[in-house]
Amino acid sequence: MAEYGKLSDQEMKEEAVKCLCLILRDNDALFAFAGNGEVPYFDEKGLMQDLPEKIAAEIKGVEEKKGCKIHAALKTIFNQQTDPMETYSFLCISDYTEDLPYAISSVSPRVHQIYAYVFNKSIPGWSEFGHVIVQSDGFRLVRIR
């Protein structure tokens, strides 16, 4: 891997697998991603589900346009009682080598801060890169901040 510059698709995938190994113990999800790049998708309750086609298309578009490798997708609904806002946190690896140290940091064994592209389905103009806080028991994965 180059010290500075861009990561190849394979290098991004290898780093993504490392991140998934820290937050998941579900071998089926890990093998599916490592083998064929199948992105695990977690609903708003943190349960792994089949990846919806529209979200799969959005993931592909983000990867192509933004130069990143998405390794998990989490659905989150904010303001459920008043004005629901549907978002998807696409946990990802940037293609810049300088960003690798910031891809994931563990707050505790079950809580992690992870680099993500947050796709705001309700207001697409508010979609952006940043860090999200996720909690995992090894099988379920939810965004908590």
Protein backbone atom coordinates (compact mmCIF):
# COMPACT_ATOMS: atom_id res chain seq x y z
CA MET A 1 0.00 0.00 0.00
CA ALA A 2 1.28 3.45 -0.90
CA GLU A 3 2.19 5.75 2.00
CA TYR A 4 0.24 8.69 0.50
CA GLY A 5 -2.21 8.77 -2.33
CA LYS A 6 -5.00 6.54 -3.51
CA LEU A 7 -6.00 3.04 -2.48
CA SER A 8 -6.91 0.49 -5.13
CA ASP A 9 -10.34 -1.17 -5.07
CA GLN A 10 -8.74 -4.32 -3.65
CA GLU A 11 -6.94 -2.38 -0.89
CA MET A 12 -10.19 -0.60 0.06
CA LYS A 13 -11.98 -3.96 0.20
CA GLU A 14 -9.26 -5.44 2.44
CA GLU A 15 -9.55 -2.47 4.84
CA ALA A 16 -13.34 -2.78 4.78
CA VAL A 17 -13.11 -6.45 5.76
CA LYS A 18 -10.89 -5.46 8.71
CA CYS A 19 -13.56 -2.97 9.87
CA LEU A 20 -16.33 -5.54 9.53
CA CYS A 21 -14.30 -8.05 11.57
CA LEU A 22 -14.20 -5.52 14.43
CA ILE A 23 -17.94 -4.91 14.52
CA LEU A 24 -19.54 -8.19 13.36
CA ARG A 25 -19.33 -11.83 14.35
CA ASP A 26 -21.78 -12.97 11.69
CA ASN A 27 -19.55 -15.11 9.47
CA ASP A 28 -22.14 -15.27 6.69
CA ALA A 29 -22.08 -11.48 6.34
CA LEU A 30 -18.28 -11.37 6.51
CA PHE A 31 -17.80 -14.11 3.94
CA ALA A 32 -20.42 -12.63 1.60
CA PHE A 33 -18.69 -9.26 1.65
CA ALA A 34 -15.14 -10.66 1.45
CA GLY A 35 -16.11 -13.09 -1.31
CA ASN A 36 -18.38 -11.18 -3.67
CA GLY A 37 -18.64 -7.70 -2.14
CA GLU A 38 -22.22 -8.20 -0.90
CA VAL A 39 -22.90 -5.26 1.42
CA PRO A 40 -24.66 -6.26 4.66
CA TYR A 41 -27.79 -4.20 5.30
CA PHE A 42 -29.27 -3.55 8.74
CA ASP A 43 -32.78 -2.21 9.28
CA GLU A 44 -33.69 0.43 11.88
CA LYS A 45 -33.83 -2.28 14.58
CA GLY A 46 -30.31 -3.43 13.72
CA LEU A 47 -31.39 -6.71 12.15
CA MET A 48 -29.65 -7.89 9.00
CA GLN A 49 -32.00 -7.97 6.02
CA ASP A 50 -31.77 -8.35 2.25
CA LEU A 51 -30.38 -5.20 0.67
CA PRO A 52 -33.22 -3.32 -1.08
CA GLU A 53 -32.56 -2.80 -4.81
CA LYS A 54 -32.94 0.99 -4.57
CA ILE A 55 -30.38 1.18 -1.76
CA ALA A 56 -28.02 -1.16 -3.66
CA ALA A 57 -28.23 1.20 -6.64
CA GLU A 58 -27.56 4.20 -4.36
CA ILE A 59 -24.52 2.41 -2.88
CA LYS A 60 -23.11 1.69 -6.33
CA GLY A 61 -23.60 5.32 -7.33
CA VAL A 62 -21.89 6.64 -4.20
CA GLU A 63 -18.93 4.28 -4.67
CA GLU A 64 -18.50 5.36 -8.29
CA LYS A 65 -18.98 9.10 -7.72
CA LYS A 66 -17.20 9.47 -4.38
CA GLY A 67 -14.35 6.93 -4.74
CA CYS A 68 -15.01 4.86 -1.63
CA LYS A 69 -15.79 1.24 -0.69
CA ILE A 70 -19.01 0.76 1.28
CA HIS A 71 -18.94 -2.22 3.63
CA ALA A 72 -22.27 -1.95 5.47
CA ALA A 73 -25.54 -0.01 5.24
CA LEU A 74 -27.70 0.96 8.22
CA LYS A 75 -31.19 2.43 8.00
CA THR A 76 -32.09 5.07 10.59
CA ILE A 77 -35.31 7.04 11.04
CA PHE A 78 -34.90 10.32 12.94
CA ASN A 79 -37.75 12.34 14.48
CA GLN A 80 -40.11 9.39 14.21
CA GLN A 81 -42.91 11.09 16.16
CA THR A 82 -42.96 14.52 14.51
CA ASP A 83 -41.26 14.80 11.11
CA PRO A 84 -39.69 11.46 10.11
CA MET A 85 -36.40 11.66 8.23
CA GLU A 86 -35.12 8.48 6.57
CA THR A 87 -31.35 8.14 6.36
CA TYR A 88 -28.91 5.40 5.43
CA SER A 89 -25.43 5.31 6.92
CA PHE A 90 -23.11 3.73 4.37
CA LEU A 91 -20.08 2.65 6.40
CA CYS A 92 -17.13 3.10 4.09
CA ILE A 93 -13.43 3.25 3.41
CA SER A 94 -12.11 6.34 1.65
CA ASP A 95 -9.76 5.83 -1.28
CA TYR A 96 -7.22 8.20 0.33
CA THR A 97 -4.48 6.48 2.31
CA GLU A 98 -4.32 9.45 4.70
CA ASP A 99 -7.89 8.68 5.85
CA LEU A 100 -7.20 5.09 6.96
CA PRO A 101 -6.29 5.92 10.58
CA TYR A 102 -9.73 7.56 10.93
CA ALA A 103 -11.82 4.79 9.30
CA ILE A 104 -12.81 3.22 12.62
CA SER A 105 -12.09 3.74 16.30
CA SER A 106 -13.50 1.70 19.14
CA VAL A 107 -15.17 3.60 21.95
CA SER A 108 -15.82 0.32 23.79
CA PRO A 109 -15.93 -3.33 22.70
CA ARG A 110 -19.48 -2.81 21.39
CA VAL A 111 -19.45 0.85 20.35
CA HIS A 112 -17.46 2.21 17.41
CA GLN A 113 -16.99 5.49 15.59
CA ILE A 114 -16.91 4.76 11.86
CA TYR A 115 -16.40 6.84 8.73
CA ALA A 116 -19.59 6.89 6.67
CA TYR A 117 -21.47 8.52 3.86
CA VAL A 118 -24.90 9.37 5.26
CA PHE A 119 -27.48 9.30 2.49
CA ASN A 120 -30.49 11.39 3.49
CA LYS A 121 -33.36 9.90 1.51
CA SER A 122 -35.82 12.50 2.81
CA ILE A 123 -33.62 15.50 1.90
CA PRO A 124 -30.87 14.30 -0.51
CA GLY A 125 -29.09 17.66 -0.39
CA TRP A 126 -28.24 16.98 3.24
CA SER A 127 -26.29 13.80 2.40
CA GLU A 128 -22.65 13.98 3.48
CA PHE A 129 -19.51 12.20 4.68
CA GLY A 130 -18.66 12.13 8.36
CA HIS A 131 -18.38 9.82 11.34
CA VAL A 132 -21.27 7.95 12.93
CA ILE A 133 -21.41 6.04 16.19
CA VAL A 134 -22.67 2.46 15.92
CA GLN A 135 -23.38 -0.22 18.49
CA SER A 136 -23.06 -3.92 17.78
CA ASP A 137 -23.55 -7.13 19.68
CA GLY A 138 -21.72 -8.93 16.88
CA PHE A 139 -24.86 -9.76 14.92
CA ARG A 140 -27.08 -6.67 15.13
CA LEU A 141 -25.77 -3.24 14.16
CA VAL A 142 -27.49 0.10 14.88
CA ARG A 143 -26.51 3.73 14.58
CA ILE A 144 -26.76 5.44 17.94
CA ARG A 145 -25.37 8.90 16.95
